[in-house]
Protein backbone atom coordinates (compact mmCIF):
# COMPACT_ATOMS: atom_id res chain seq x y z
CA MET A 1 0.23 0.12 -0.07
CA MET A 2 1.45 3.50 -1.08
CA ARG A 3 2.36 5.83 1.84
CA ASP A 4 0.74 9.60 1.94
CA PHE A 5 4.11 11.43 1.99
CA VAL A 6 2.67 14.53 2.91
CA LYS A 7 0.76 13.18 5.63
CA ASP A 8 3.55 11.16 6.85
CA ARG A 9 6.55 13.62 6.69
CA ALA A 10 5.17 16.90 6.79
CA ARG A 11 5.12 18.63 10.21
CA PRO A 12 1.78 17.96 11.82
CA GLU A 13 0.88 21.48 12.90
CA ILE A 14 0.51 22.55 9.54
CA PHE A 15 -3.05 20.82 9.00
CA ASN A 16 -4.30 22.51 11.98
CA LEU A 17 -3.65 25.93 10.33
CA LYS A 18 -6.59 28.08 8.72
CA PRO A 19 -5.64 29.89 5.85
CA TYR A 20 -5.94 33.83 5.81
CA VAL A 21 -9.07 34.90 3.92
CA PRO A 22 -8.58 38.11 2.23
CA GLY A 23 -10.98 40.80 0.70
CA LYS A 24 -12.35 39.57 -2.53
CA PRO A 25 -10.00 41.13 -5.29
CA ILE A 26 -11.48 43.66 -7.68
CA GLU A 27 -10.39 41.82 -10.87
CA GLU A 28 -11.89 38.52 -9.49
CA VAL A 29 -15.47 40.05 -9.26
CA LYS A 30 -14.80 41.62 -12.69
CA ARG A 31 -14.44 38.23 -13.74
CA GLU A 32 -16.97 36.51 -12.12
CA LEU A 33 -19.81 38.96 -12.72
CA GLY A 34 -18.97 40.85 -15.89
CA LEU A 35 -18.85 44.34 -13.50
CA ASP A 36 -16.66 47.15 -14.57
CA ASP A 37 -17.45 49.71 -11.72
CA ILE A 38 -16.44 48.19 -8.78
CA ILE A 39 -15.64 49.69 -5.46
CA LYS A 40 -13.44 47.61 -2.67
CA LEU A 41 -14.62 48.38 0.55
CA ALA A 42 -13.44 44.92 2.49
CA SER A 43 -9.55 45.54 2.94
CA ASN A 44 -9.15 48.61 5.25
CA GLU A 45 -6.87 50.20 2.01
CA ASN A 46 -6.61 53.97 1.74
CA PRO A 47 -9.25 55.21 -0.49
CA LEU A 48 -7.17 58.37 -1.64
CA GLY A 49 -4.36 55.84 -3.04
CA PRO A 50 -0.51 55.64 -1.93
CA SER A 51 1.20 58.89 -0.48
CA PRO A 52 2.31 60.86 -3.55
CA ALA A 53 5.91 61.49 -2.54
CA ALA A 54 6.25 57.59 -2.44
CA SER A 55 4.92 57.21 -5.42
CA LYS A 56 7.45 59.86 -7.18
CA ALA A 57 10.12 58.39 -5.38
CA VAL A 58 9.58 54.74 -6.65
CA GLY A 59 8.65 55.94 -10.11
CA GLU A 60 12.39 57.55 -9.96
CA PHE A 61 14.14 53.99 -8.70
CA LEU A 62 12.93 52.05 -11.44
CA SER A 63 15.99 52.11 -13.20
CA GLN A 64 17.71 50.46 -10.72
CA LEU A 65 15.35 47.41 -10.01
CA HIS A 66 18.26 45.01 -11.21
CA ILE A 67 20.24 46.00 -7.74
CA TYR A 68 19.89 43.76 -4.48
CA PRO A 69 18.07 45.70 -1.92
CA ASP A 70 19.88 47.35 1.23
CA GLY A 71 19.18 43.95 3.59
CA ASN A 72 19.38 46.48 6.71
CA CYS A 73 17.21 48.57 5.96
CA TYR A 74 19.57 51.33 6.88
CA GLU A 75 18.32 54.74 5.78
CA LEU A 76 14.44 53.69 6.74
CA LYS A 77 15.81 52.73 10.19
CA LYS A 78 17.39 55.57 10.83
CA ARG A 79 14.45 57.82 9.69
CA LEU A 80 12.12 55.53 11.45
CA ALA A 81 14.27 56.13 14.95
CA SER A 82 14.30 60.13 14.40
CA VAL A 83 10.40 59.84 14.30
CA HIS A 84 9.99 57.59 17.39
CA GLY A 85 12.60 58.82 19.12
CA VAL A 86 13.86 54.99 19.64
CA GLU A 87 17.58 53.50 18.58
CA GLU A 88 18.10 52.39 15.11
CA LYS A 89 19.26 48.80 16.50
CA ALA A 90 15.94 48.44 18.52
CA ILE A 91 13.80 48.79 15.14
CA LEU A 92 12.89 45.71 12.77
CA VAL A 93 11.50 46.17 9.08
CA GLY A 94 9.66 43.50 7.46
CA ASN A 95 7.81 42.24 4.57
CA GLY A 96 4.42 43.65 6.05
CA SER A 97 3.61 43.45 9.62
CA ASP A 98 2.53 39.97 8.85
CA GLU A 99 6.08 38.76 8.12
CA LEU A 100 7.12 40.19 11.74
CA LEU A 101 4.64 38.48 13.43
CA LYS A 102 5.72 35.18 11.97
CA LEU A 103 9.23 35.98 12.93
CA MET A 104 8.38 36.75 16.24
CA ALA A 105 6.87 33.16 16.50
CA GLU A 106 9.77 31.46 14.73
CA THR A 107 12.30 33.44 17.34
CA PHE A 108 10.19 32.75 20.72
CA LEU A 109 7.28 30.23 20.12
CA ASN A 110 7.96 26.42 20.88
CA ARG A 111 5.67 23.84 21.22
CA GLY A 112 3.30 24.06 23.98
CA ASP A 113 4.01 27.52 25.04
CA GLU A 114 0.98 29.57 24.93
CA ILE A 115 -0.11 32.97 23.17
CA ILE A 116 -3.01 34.74 24.45
CA TYR A 117 -5.05 37.53 22.21
CA ALA A 118 -8.69 38.82 22.03
CA GLN A 119 -11.19 37.07 20.04
CA PRO A 120 -12.11 38.29 17.31
CA SER A 121 -8.92 39.94 16.10
CA PHE A 122 -6.36 39.55 13.46
CA SER A 123 -6.76 36.03 12.14
CA GLU A 124 -2.42 36.18 11.63
CA TYR A 125 -1.87 35.62 15.43
CA GLU A 126 -3.55 32.19 15.48
CA PHE A 127 -2.12 31.46 12.18
CA VAL A 128 1.54 31.83 13.32
CA ALA A 129 1.46 30.54 16.48
CA ARG A 130 -0.21 27.24 15.26
CA ILE A 131 2.92 26.61 12.84
CA MET A 132 5.27 26.56 15.66
CA GLY A 133 2.75 24.21 17.55
CA ALA A 134 1.89 27.00 20.33
CA GLU A 135 -1.17 26.86 22.18
CA CYS A 136 -3.72 29.57 21.40
CA ILE A 137 -5.82 31.16 24.23
CA GLU A 138 -8.62 32.98 22.69
CA VAL A 139 -10.30 35.85 25.61
CA PRO A 140 -13.28 37.27 23.69
CA LEU A 141 -14.25 41.02 23.51
CA VAL A 142 -16.39 42.85 26.03
CA ASP A 143 -18.62 45.25 24.22
CA PHE A 144 -16.26 44.57 21.27
CA THR A 145 -13.37 45.86 22.96
CA HIS A 146 -9.91 43.97 24.77
CA ASP A 147 -11.05 42.65 28.15
CA LEU A 148 -7.25 43.16 29.81
CA ALA A 149 -8.18 42.01 33.15
CA ALA A 150 -9.47 38.25 31.39
CA ILE A 151 -6.29 38.27 29.40
CA TYR A 152 -4.06 39.06 32.68
CA ASP A 153 -5.84 36.64 34.09
CA ALA A 154 -5.34 33.84 31.66
CA VAL A 155 -1.27 34.15 31.80
CA THR A 156 -0.01 31.13 33.04
CA ALA A 157 3.77 29.94 33.15
CA GLN A 158 3.39 28.64 29.86
CA THR A 159 2.38 32.10 28.58
CA LYS A 160 5.06 33.22 26.18
CA MET A 161 3.61 36.13 24.42
CA VAL A 162 0.56 38.41 24.50
CA ILE A 163 -0.69 40.21 21.49
CA ILE A 164 -3.28 43.38 22.12
CA CYS A 165 -4.59 44.68 18.71
CA ASN A 166 -5.04 48.62 19.33
CA PRO A 167 -7.14 49.53 17.72
CA ASN A 168 -8.61 46.10 17.38
CA ASN A 169 -9.47 44.33 13.75
CA PRO A 170 -12.26 43.70 12.96
CA THR A 171 -14.07 46.23 15.42
CA GLY A 172 -11.90 49.14 15.51
CA THR A 173 -12.34 49.48 19.20
CA ILE A 174 -9.56 51.01 21.37
CA VAL A 175 -8.27 50.15 24.94
CA SER A 176 -7.64 53.19 27.00
CA ALA A 177 -4.32 54.08 28.04
CA GLU A 178 -4.96 53.46 31.62
CA ALA A 179 -6.27 50.18 30.93
CA ILE A 180 -2.96 49.10 29.24
CA ASP A 181 -0.83 50.93 32.14
CA GLU A 182 -2.60 48.74 34.98
CA PHE A 183 -2.15 45.94 32.65
CA MET A 184 1.46 46.56 32.15
CA GLN A 185 2.18 47.15 35.95
CA LYS A 186 0.86 43.62 36.76
CA ILE A 187 2.23 41.33 33.65
CA SER A 188 5.72 39.73 34.18
CA ASP A 189 8.47 41.06 32.56
CA ASP A 190 8.86 37.09 31.51
CA VAL A 191 6.17 37.65 29.07
CA LEU A 192 6.55 39.30 25.65
CA VAL A 193 3.81 41.79 24.97
CA VAL A 194 3.02 42.93 21.14
CA PHE A 195 1.05 45.98 20.60
CA ASP A 196 -0.36 45.76 17.06
CA GLU A 197 -0.98 48.92 16.18
CA ALA A 198 -1.59 49.08 12.40
CA TYR A 199 -4.55 51.82 12.33
CA ALA A 200 -2.88 54.16 15.31
CA GLU A 201 -2.57 57.06 12.90
CA TYR A 202 -6.61 57.06 12.64
CA VAL A 203 -7.35 57.18 16.17
CA GLU A 204 -9.22 60.34 17.18
CA SER A 205 -10.00 59.00 20.86
CA ILE A 206 -8.27 61.09 23.90
CA ASP A 207 -7.91 58.08 25.80
CA TYR A 208 -5.40 56.24 23.21
CA ALA A 209 -1.51 55.96 24.00
CA SER A 210 0.75 53.77 21.66
CA GLY A 211 2.85 50.75 23.47
CA ILE A 212 5.97 52.94 22.30
CA LYS A 213 6.24 54.28 25.96
CA TYR A 214 7.00 50.86 27.09
CA VAL A 215 9.68 50.57 24.34
CA LYS A 216 11.35 53.54 25.52
CA GLU A 217 10.96 52.10 29.19
CA GLY A 218 13.05 49.65 28.06
CA ARG A 219 9.93 46.97 28.81
CA ASN A 220 9.95 43.51 27.01
CA VAL A 221 7.46 44.62 24.34
CA ILE A 222 7.25 45.13 20.50
CA VAL A 223 5.03 47.72 18.86
CA LEU A 224 3.92 46.99 15.53
CA ARG A 225 3.20 49.35 12.92
CA THR A 226 2.29 49.28 9.13
CA PHE A 227 2.95 51.42 5.76
CA SER A 228 -0.16 49.45 4.08
CA LYS A 229 -2.93 51.57 5.67
CA ILE A 230 -2.76 55.40 6.19
CA TYR A 231 0.07 55.69 3.79
CA GLY A 232 -1.52 53.67 0.96
CA LEU A 233 1.25 51.30 0.63
CA ALA A 234 -0.52 47.99 0.78
CA SER A 235 1.08 46.27 -2.46
CA LEU A 236 4.45 47.12 -1.44
CA ARG A 237 4.54 45.08 1.87
CA VAL A 238 6.56 46.99 4.12
CA GLY A 239 5.89 46.84 8.13
CA TYR A 240 8.01 48.00 11.08
CA GLY A 241 8.57 46.55 15.15
CA LEU A 242 10.06 48.93 17.64
CA THR A 243 11.21 46.79 20.52
CA THR A 244 14.83 46.42 22.56
CA PRO A 245 17.86 46.06 20.74
CA GLY A 246 18.45 42.64 22.72
CA ILE A 247 14.83 41.37 20.69
CA ALA A 248 15.73 43.02 17.70
CA SER A 249 18.75 41.03 17.20
CA ALA A 250 17.24 37.98 18.62
CA ILE A 251 14.58 38.08 15.80
CA GLU A 252 17.07 39.35 12.92
CA ARG A 253 18.56 35.95 13.60
CA VAL A 254 15.88 34.39 11.92
CA THR A 255 15.03 37.00 9.12
CA GLU A 256 15.91 36.08 5.42
CA PRO A 257 18.38 38.23 3.57
CA PHE A 258 16.81 41.07 1.73
CA ASN A 259 13.19 40.54 3.05
CA VAL A 260 12.10 44.05 2.26
CA ASN A 261 12.41 45.04 -1.46
CA MET A 262 13.98 48.53 -2.37
CA PRO A 263 10.98 50.09 -3.87
CA ALA A 264 9.04 49.37 -0.25
CA GLN A 265 12.03 50.89 1.54
CA ILE A 266 12.10 54.27 -0.87
CA ALA A 267 8.29 54.38 -0.40
CA GLY A 268 8.20 54.02 3.24
CA LEU A 269 11.01 56.43 3.55
CA ALA A 270 9.12 58.88 1.21
CA ALA A 271 5.90 58.42 2.78
CA ILE A 272 6.85 59.23 6.47
CA ASP A 273 7.57 62.69 5.55
CA ASP A 274 4.58 63.37 3.55
CA THR A 275 2.38 64.92 6.16
CA GLU A 276 -0.15 66.66 3.68
CA HIS A 277 -1.10 62.94 2.47
CA VAL A 278 -1.75 61.71 5.95
CA SER A 279 -3.44 64.72 7.07
CA ARG A 280 -5.94 64.10 4.26
CA SER A 281 -6.24 60.75 4.95
CA GLN A 282 -7.42 61.43 8.23
CA ALA A 283 -9.66 64.08 7.67
CA THR A 284 -11.29 61.89 4.80
CA ASN A 285 -11.77 59.01 7.37
CA SER A 286 -13.15 61.47 9.90
CA SER A 287 -15.44 62.96 7.57
CA GLY A 288 -16.89 59.67 5.96
CA LYS A 289 -16.97 58.44 9.91
CA LYS A 290 -19.26 60.90 10.74
CA TYR A 291 -21.44 60.27 7.36
CA LEU A 292 -21.69 56.63 7.72
CA TYR A 293 -22.79 56.36 11.47
CA SER A 294 -25.49 59.33 10.24
CA GLU A 295 -26.59 56.90 7.78
CA PHE A 296 -26.57 53.62 9.88
CA GLU A 297 -28.66 55.58 12.84
CA LYS A 298 -31.30 56.91 9.84
CA MET A 299 -31.78 53.17 8.97
CA GLY A 300 -31.77 51.67 12.58
CA LEU A 301 -28.65 49.60 12.43
CA PHE A 302 -26.54 48.92 15.25
CA TYR A 303 -22.60 49.61 14.47
CA VAL A 304 -19.79 49.79 16.61
CA PRO A 305 -17.95 53.49 16.92
CA THR A 306 -14.56 53.15 15.64
CA ASP A 307 -11.10 54.55 15.85
CA ALA A 308 -9.68 53.20 12.91
CA ASN A 309 -10.42 53.21 9.08
CA PHE A 310 -13.33 50.71 8.99
CA ILE A 311 -16.71 50.08 10.68
CA PHE A 312 -18.25 47.03 12.34
CA LEU A 313 -21.81 47.02 11.41
CA ASP A 314 -24.68 44.67 12.10
CA ALA A 315 -26.68 44.34 9.12
CA GLY A 316 -29.45 42.55 10.94
CA LYS A 317 -29.45 39.68 8.34
CA ASP A 318 -27.38 36.89 6.92
CA CYS A 319 -23.96 38.39 6.12
CA GLN A 320 -23.42 36.09 3.35
CA GLU A 321 -26.66 37.29 1.82
CA VAL A 322 -25.68 40.77 2.45
CA PHE A 323 -22.09 40.36 1.05
CA LYS A 324 -23.49 38.69 -2.44
CA ALA A 325 -26.42 41.22 -2.95
CA LEU A 326 -23.71 44.40 -2.53
CA LEU A 327 -21.52 42.47 -4.44
CA LYS A 328 -23.97 42.46 -7.67
CA LEU A 329 -23.95 46.02 -7.39
CA GLY A 330 -20.30 46.64 -7.45
CA VAL A 331 -19.37 46.84 -3.56
CA ILE A 332 -17.22 44.24 -2.23
CA VAL A 333 -17.22 44.27 1.77
CA ARG A 334 -16.28 42.08 4.07
CA THR A 335 -17.97 39.57 5.79
CA GLY A 336 -18.76 39.00 9.52
CA ASP A 337 -18.99 35.20 9.78
CA ILE A 338 -15.26 34.79 9.53
CA PHE A 339 -14.86 36.65 13.11
CA GLY A 340 -18.02 34.90 14.37
CA TYR A 341 -20.50 37.48 13.67
CA PRO A 342 -22.91 35.71 11.21
CA SER A 343 -24.99 39.11 10.92
CA PHE A 344 -22.40 41.72 10.71
CA ILE A 345 -20.31 42.93 7.77
CA ARG A 346 -17.00 45.37 7.96
CA VAL A 347 -17.15 48.02 5.67
CA THR A 348 -13.91 50.35 4.96
CA ILE A 349 -14.45 53.89 5.13
CA GLY A 350 -13.87 55.56 1.80
CA THR A 351 -14.16 58.14 -0.41
CA THR A 352 -17.42 60.35 -0.38
CA ALA A 353 -18.56 59.16 -3.31
CA GLU A 354 -17.72 55.46 -2.31
CA ASN A 355 -19.32 56.06 0.81
CA GLY A 356 -22.32 57.61 -0.68
CA ARG A 357 -22.64 54.37 -3.44
CA PHE A 358 -22.13 51.93 -0.33
CA ILE A 359 -24.96 53.44 1.70
CA GLN A 360 -27.22 53.23 -1.33
CA GLY A 361 -26.30 49.57 -1.95
CA LEU A 362 -27.00 48.82 1.41
CA LYS A 363 -30.66 50.78 1.37
CA GLN A 364 -31.40 48.62 -1.51
CA VAL A 365 -30.25 45.32 -0.22
CA LEU A 366 -31.82 45.70 3.48
CA GLY A 367 -34.97 47.09 2.07
CA LYS A 368 -34.76 50.18 3.60
């Protein structure tokens, strides 16, 4: 009898992995439904597009695509160090924040170790932990927000890592500075605390504080940021982490050479100083959020107030039905069933025109 090579020889952990489910691509919808006019409000991309300064910088670099990138991301690290007030050797740059999460897992997690995070939150936390055979402890949100007291109570001698997504994806909620301070005063330095702040630049709440303060205090923390969201560089895949020099050095040991391509490095460097694009993106998001709140309230729909560039909304009926109906109208959103909320959808805040088109479509689909 022929043996199943993959089943016999592959690491058993991979068979427990849940593949990441991305937002439906525009080109795929065009092929499937024969539509030409489509808006994508599913992946929390910047509706204003990339930083113009970044686009210009990348365009000027195209003649040098035959040269390997700077494996140390020297210039980008130098600028990030200046912006955030940390040492250059305390900065990690990755092929998106996703790669940094995977590198962290490879560096610190062994089979049987525990990692704690909220549920629902970003699915990559579970993915990277299970690859390493770690145990995933999921702590339910309370009022759509991290319950840090319950997360602290879940810590055991086997806990290696705690991840706090702030603002949280998919709910858009934040954990207050006071709650985080209380948590950090209690948590053991034997536990690596990771603050995933992919949407930090969109936060308007006065109760918010970045985990960077704990980096500066020398605590065993990592703060993750990305150029994919407010800077509009999602396709270039560049994220970064701020941590201690010791933690950064350990993670760099498992990092592939040339992991961040040069156009990404150049774009990130230019985007950091494009404050006009950041300000325009924040203003567009803020005004769009207020408009969508108002429309949801008129329709009698429950939504979770957000500090990110998306809104978690209860459509009041099966989210797959809503998703498919909106798709036929050329509007792509994210279904909430993958997060455990079968009547919810997550919608990215778009331009004025995109938000209006989404509301018009939603009214049609829901009979409002």
